[in-house]
Protein backbone atom coordinates (compact mmCIF):
# COMPACT_ATOMS: atom_id res chain seq x y z
CA MET A 1 -20.93 2.54 -44.17
CA ASN A 2 -21.75 -1.12 -44.80
CA HIS A 3 -19.75 -4.07 -43.57
CA ASN A 4 -20.34 -6.19 -46.67
CA LEU A 5 -21.59 -5.89 -50.24
CA ALA A 6 -24.83 -7.72 -49.40
CA GLU A 7 -26.07 -4.61 -47.55
CA TYR A 8 -24.87 -2.18 -50.25
CA HIS A 9 -27.82 -0.38 -51.80
CA ALA A 10 -27.40 0.00 -55.54
CA PRO A 11 -29.86 2.20 -57.42
CA VAL A 12 -32.39 0.46 -59.64
CA ASN A 13 -34.65 1.77 -62.41
CA ALA A 14 -37.33 2.83 -59.92
CA ASP A 15 -34.79 5.09 -58.15
CA VAL A 16 -33.81 6.99 -61.30
CA HIS A 17 -35.87 10.01 -62.24
CA ASP A 18 -36.57 11.16 -65.78
CA ILE A 19 -33.41 11.60 -67.81
CA GLU A 20 -33.21 14.55 -70.16
CA VAL A 21 -31.29 13.95 -73.37
CA ILE A 22 -29.63 16.97 -74.93
CA PHE A 23 -28.21 16.88 -78.44
CA VAL A 24 -25.36 19.22 -79.30
CA GLU A 25 -25.40 20.21 -82.94
CA GLU A 26 -21.78 19.40 -83.69
CA HIS A 27 -20.75 16.67 -86.13
CA ASP A 28 -17.38 15.03 -85.42
CA ASP A 29 -16.16 12.20 -87.67
CA ILE A 30 -13.00 11.72 -85.59
CA ILE A 31 -14.84 10.33 -82.55
CA ASN A 32 -16.67 7.61 -84.52
CA PRO A 33 -18.37 7.20 -87.91
CA LEU A 34 -21.72 8.42 -86.54
CA GLY A 35 -20.21 11.51 -84.97
CA ALA A 36 -21.98 10.72 -81.70
CA LYS A 37 -20.50 11.59 -78.32
CA GLY A 38 -21.61 10.24 -74.96
CA LEU A 39 -21.27 11.19 -71.34
CA GLY A 40 -23.16 8.34 -69.69
CA GLU A 41 -20.25 6.44 -68.19
CA ASN A 42 -19.04 9.30 -65.98
CA GLY A 43 -21.52 8.34 -63.29
CA ILE A 44 -19.91 4.94 -62.69
CA VAL A 45 -16.25 5.98 -62.64
CA GLY A 46 -15.90 5.55 -58.86
CA GLU A 47 -17.44 2.10 -58.70
CA ALA A 48 -14.23 0.16 -59.38
CA ALA A 49 -12.38 2.18 -56.74
CA ALA A 50 -15.14 1.54 -54.21
CA VAL A 51 -15.01 -2.21 -54.85
CA GLY A 52 -11.20 -2.12 -54.65
CA ASN A 53 -11.37 -0.34 -51.29
CA ALA A 54 -13.94 -2.83 -50.02
CA ILE A 55 -11.64 -5.70 -51.01
CA TYR A 56 -8.73 -3.97 -49.28
CA HIS A 57 -10.72 -3.51 -46.06
CA ALA A 58 -11.90 -7.12 -46.18
CA THR A 59 -8.56 -8.76 -47.02
CA GLY A 60 -5.84 -6.24 -46.17
CA LYS A 61 -4.39 -6.67 -49.67
CA ARG A 62 -4.29 -3.57 -51.90
CA VAL A 63 -4.71 -4.29 -55.63
CA ARG A 64 -3.92 -1.28 -57.81
CA ASP A 65 -4.69 -2.62 -61.29
CA LEU A 66 -7.84 -3.98 -62.87
CA PRO A 67 -9.35 -6.49 -63.16
CA ILE A 68 -9.09 -7.62 -59.55
CA THR A 69 -8.81 -11.39 -59.63
CA ILE A 70 -8.34 -14.03 -56.96
CA HIS A 71 -4.79 -14.60 -58.20
CA LYS A 72 -3.86 -11.02 -57.34
CA LEU A 73 -5.21 -11.47 -53.82
CA LEU A 74 -3.34 -14.70 -53.06
């Protein structure tokens, strides 16, 4: 939709509505010593792919492994 990353609209704190936290009563010592589990990172899974596609469209060079560095583009 945008021709460059300068016009890309990223959400900020004012754009995010109230977040409801739900605790599941299940203790699991295998995950970590606290037994806590999280699901917060699932919302940003597609970001790296979107940046990779933007770099491909801008340079014509497809990089398939992270991190994308200038050395991989040259």
